[in-house]
Amino acid sequence: MAGPRVVARSDEVPEGGFIRVRVAGIDCILARVEGRLYAVEDNCSHEDYPLSYGCLDGARIKCSLHGSRFCLRTGQPLEEPADTPTRTFHVEVIDDQVLIDPTRTGE
């Protein structure tokens, strides 16, 4: 089944933090920064390592293995050694339910 899937309640995602969710077989990070929700694949494109082991730095997530940072909005790497984007996904909230659409990018 394609399209958006419910992954969490809105109040489960803390401001300035993230939770791990799974949608359509993809491990994702669902983050809230300045009230906005972002979903990115929980995978550093540099070493196939979970980004959820890292931390948020504003609207960026830092990989704890080698320090690469990725933009939560676009998935673009902002610091080496990563040079390939991580996937982002469209997020919407309906009646306090957070939906991620694995078929649409986040931007």
C-alpha atoms as a PDB file:
ATOM      1  CA  MET A   1       0.000   0.000   0.000  1.00  0.00           C
ATOM      2  CA  ALA A   2       1.494   3.321  -1.077  1.00  0.00           C
ATOM      3  CA  GLY A   3       0.922   6.681   0.494  1.00  0.00           C
ATOM      4  CA  PRO A   4       1.119   8.183   3.985  1.00  0.00           C
ATOM      5  CA  ARG A   5       1.267   5.947   7.042  1.00  0.00           C
ATOM      6  CA  VAL A   6       0.658   6.819  10.693  1.00  0.00           C
ATOM      7  CA  VAL A   7       3.906   6.438  12.645  1.00  0.00           C
ATOM      8  CA  ALA A   8       3.362   8.325  15.920  1.00  0.00           C
ATOM      9  CA  ARG A   9       1.317  10.850  17.839  1.00  0.00           C
ATOM     10  CA  SER A  10       2.536  14.409  17.508  1.00  0.00           C
ATOM     11  CA  ASP A  11       3.176  14.737  21.243  1.00  0.00           C
ATOM     12  CA  GLU A  12       5.603  11.792  21.138  1.00  0.00           C
ATOM     13  CA  VAL A  13       8.208  13.889  19.303  1.00  0.00           C
ATOM     14  CA  PRO A  14       9.906  16.325  21.691  1.00  0.00           C
ATOM     15  CA  GLU A  15      10.925  19.811  20.585  1.00  0.00           C
ATOM     16  CA  GLY A  16      14.621  19.729  19.694  1.00  0.00           C
ATOM     17  CA  GLY A  17      14.629  15.942  19.712  1.00  0.00           C
ATOM     18  CA  PHE A  18      13.682  12.890  17.690  1.00  0.00           C
ATOM     19  CA  ILE A  19      12.239   9.411  17.864  1.00  0.00           C
ATOM     20  CA  ARG A  20      12.906   6.357  15.727  1.00  0.00           C
ATOM     21  CA  VAL A  21      10.045   5.051  13.613  1.00  0.00           C
ATOM     22  CA  ARG A  22       9.633   2.518  10.851  1.00  0.00           C
ATOM     23  CA  VAL A  23       7.532   3.094   7.738  1.00  0.00           C
ATOM     24  CA  ALA A  24       7.177   0.702   4.797  1.00  0.00           C
ATOM     25  CA  GLY A  25      10.219  -1.247   5.987  1.00  0.00           C
ATOM     26  CA  ILE A  26      12.409   1.872   6.254  1.00  0.00           C
ATOM     27  CA  ASP A  27      13.950   2.924   9.570  1.00  0.00           C
ATOM     28  CA  CYS A  28      13.487   6.678   9.980  1.00  0.00           C
ATOM     29  CA  ILE A  29      14.191   9.497  12.364  1.00  0.00           C
ATOM     30  CA  LEU A  30      11.224  11.734  13.101  1.00  0.00           C
ATOM     31  CA  ALA A  31      12.547  15.034  14.475  1.00  0.00           C
ATOM     32  CA  ARG A  32      10.953  18.272  15.668  1.00  0.00           C
ATOM     33  CA  VAL A  33      12.876  21.526  15.282  1.00  0.00           C
ATOM     34  CA  GLU A  34      11.238  24.899  15.948  1.00  0.00           C
ATOM     35  CA  GLY A  35       7.832  23.240  15.817  1.00  0.00           C
ATOM     36  CA  ARG A  36       8.361  21.625  12.418  1.00  0.00           C
ATOM     37  CA  LEU A  37       8.527  17.858  11.914  1.00  0.00           C
ATOM     38  CA  TYR A  38      11.125  16.233   9.644  1.00  0.00           C
ATOM     39  CA  ALA A  39      11.618  12.618   8.596  1.00  0.00           C
ATOM     40  CA  VAL A  40      14.938  11.269   7.314  1.00  0.00           C
ATOM     41  CA  GLU A  41      16.174   7.760   6.761  1.00  0.00           C
ATOM     42  CA  ASP A  42      18.033   6.493   9.828  1.00  0.00           C
ATOM     43  CA  ASN A  43      21.182   5.809   7.859  1.00  0.00           C
ATOM     44  CA  CYS A  44      24.431   7.682   7.302  1.00  0.00           C
ATOM     45  CA  SER A  45      25.243   7.487   3.615  1.00  0.00           C
ATOM     46  CA  HIS A  46      28.969   7.399   4.373  1.00  0.00           C
ATOM     47  CA  GLU A  47      29.230   4.174   6.379  1.00  0.00           C
ATOM     48  CA  ASP A  48      25.726   2.632   6.499  1.00  0.00           C
ATOM     49  CA  TYR A  49      25.499   3.575  10.178  1.00  0.00           C
ATOM     50  CA  PRO A  50      22.360   4.625  12.125  1.00  0.00           C
ATOM     51  CA  LEU A  51      22.023   8.402  12.367  1.00  0.00           C
ATOM     52  CA  SER A  52      19.893   7.846  15.467  1.00  0.00           C
ATOM     53  CA  TYR A  53      23.108   7.092  17.366  1.00  0.00           C
ATOM     54  CA  GLY A  54      23.991  10.749  16.806  1.00  0.00           C
ATOM     55  CA  CYS A  55      22.408  13.992  17.920  1.00  0.00           C
ATOM     56  CA  LEU A  56      20.518  16.969  16.587  1.00  0.00           C
ATOM     57  CA  ASP A  57      22.308  20.239  15.987  1.00  0.00           C
ATOM     58  CA  GLY A  58      19.514  22.640  15.084  1.00  0.00           C
ATOM     59  CA  ALA A  59      17.956  21.414  11.825  1.00  0.00           C
ATOM     60  CA  ARG A  60      20.865  19.052  11.260  1.00  0.00           C
ATOM     61  CA  ILE A  61      21.599  15.578  12.498  1.00  0.00           C
ATOM     62  CA  LYS A  62      25.154  14.544  13.277  1.00  0.00           C
ATOM     63  CA  CYS A  63      26.415  11.023  12.687  1.00  0.00           C
ATOM     64  CA  SER A  64      28.272   9.828  15.770  1.00  0.00           C
ATOM     65  CA  LEU A  65      30.644   7.601  13.794  1.00  0.00           C
ATOM     66  CA  HIS A  66      32.619  10.148  11.740  1.00  0.00           C
ATOM     67  CA  GLY A  67      30.872  13.461  12.418  1.00  0.00           C
ATOM     68  CA  SER A  68      29.041  14.039   9.131  1.00  0.00           C
ATOM     69  CA  ARG A  69      26.035  16.333   9.475  1.00  0.00           C
ATOM     70  CA  PHE A  70      22.904  16.119   7.319  1.00  0.00           C
ATOM     71  CA  CYS A  71      20.237  18.734   6.692  1.00  0.00           C
ATOM     72  CA  LEU A  72      16.899  17.466   8.038  1.00  0.00           C
ATOM     73  CA  ARG A  73      14.996  19.382   5.350  1.00  0.00           C
ATOM     74  CA  THR A  74      16.913  18.192   2.280  1.00  0.00           C
ATOM     75  CA  GLY A  75      19.009  15.240   3.454  1.00  0.00           C
ATOM     76  CA  GLN A  76      22.090  16.891   1.967  1.00  0.00           C
ATOM     77  CA  PRO A  77      25.409  16.227   3.723  1.00  0.00           C
ATOM     78  CA  LEU A  78      26.771  19.436   5.215  1.00  0.00           C
ATOM     79  CA  GLU A  79      30.128  18.122   6.408  1.00  0.00           C
ATOM     80  CA  GLU A  80      32.523  15.445   5.217  1.00  0.00           C
ATOM     81  CA  PRO A  81      33.186  12.611   5.063  1.00  0.00           C
ATOM     82  CA  ALA A  82      29.638  11.931   3.751  1.00  0.00           C
ATOM     83  CA  ASP A  83      29.059  13.184   0.203  1.00  0.00           C
ATOM     84  CA  THR A  84      25.739  11.491  -0.660  1.00  0.00           C
ATOM     85  CA  PRO A  85      22.381  12.699   0.688  1.00  0.00           C
ATOM     86  CA  THR A  86      20.232  10.612   2.982  1.00  0.00           C
ATOM     87  CA  ARG A  87      16.585  10.173   2.013  1.00  0.00           C
ATOM     88  CA  THR A  88      13.945  12.537   3.376  1.00  0.00           C
ATOM     89  CA  PHE A  89      10.218  11.905   3.523  1.00  0.00           C
ATOM     90  CA  HIS A  90       7.067  14.018   3.473  1.00  0.00           C
ATOM     91  CA  VAL A  91       5.497  14.486   6.927  1.00  0.00           C
ATOM     92  CA  GLU A  92       2.028  15.702   7.813  1.00  0.00           C
ATOM     93  CA  VAL A  93      -0.050  15.829  10.982  1.00  0.00           C
ATOM     94  CA  ILE A  94      -3.759  15.027  10.924  1.00  0.00           C
ATOM     95  CA  ASP A  95      -5.732  14.992  14.185  1.00  0.00           C
ATOM     96  CA  ASP A  96      -2.500  14.722  16.230  1.00  0.00           C
ATOM     97  CA  GLN A  97      -1.392  11.678  14.190  1.00  0.00           C
ATOM     98  CA  VAL A  98       1.958  11.980  12.400  1.00  0.00           C
ATOM     99  CA  LEU A  99       1.983  10.482   8.922  1.00  0.00           C
ATOM    100  CA  ILE A 100       5.055   9.819   6.799  1.00  0.00           C
ATOM    101  CA  ASP A 101       4.735   9.223   3.084  1.00  0.00           C
ATOM    102  CA  PRO A 102       7.608   6.953   1.966  1.00  0.00           C
ATOM    103  CA  THR A 103       6.788   7.707  -1.687  1.00  0.00           C
ATOM    104  CA  ARG A 104       7.334  11.498  -1.397  1.00  0.00           C
ATOM    105  CA  THR A 105      10.448  13.456  -0.495  1.00  0.00           C
ATOM    106  CA  GLY A 106      10.416  15.762   2.474  1.00  0.00           C
ATOM    107  CA  GLU A 107      11.188  19.052   0.821  1.00  0.00           C
END
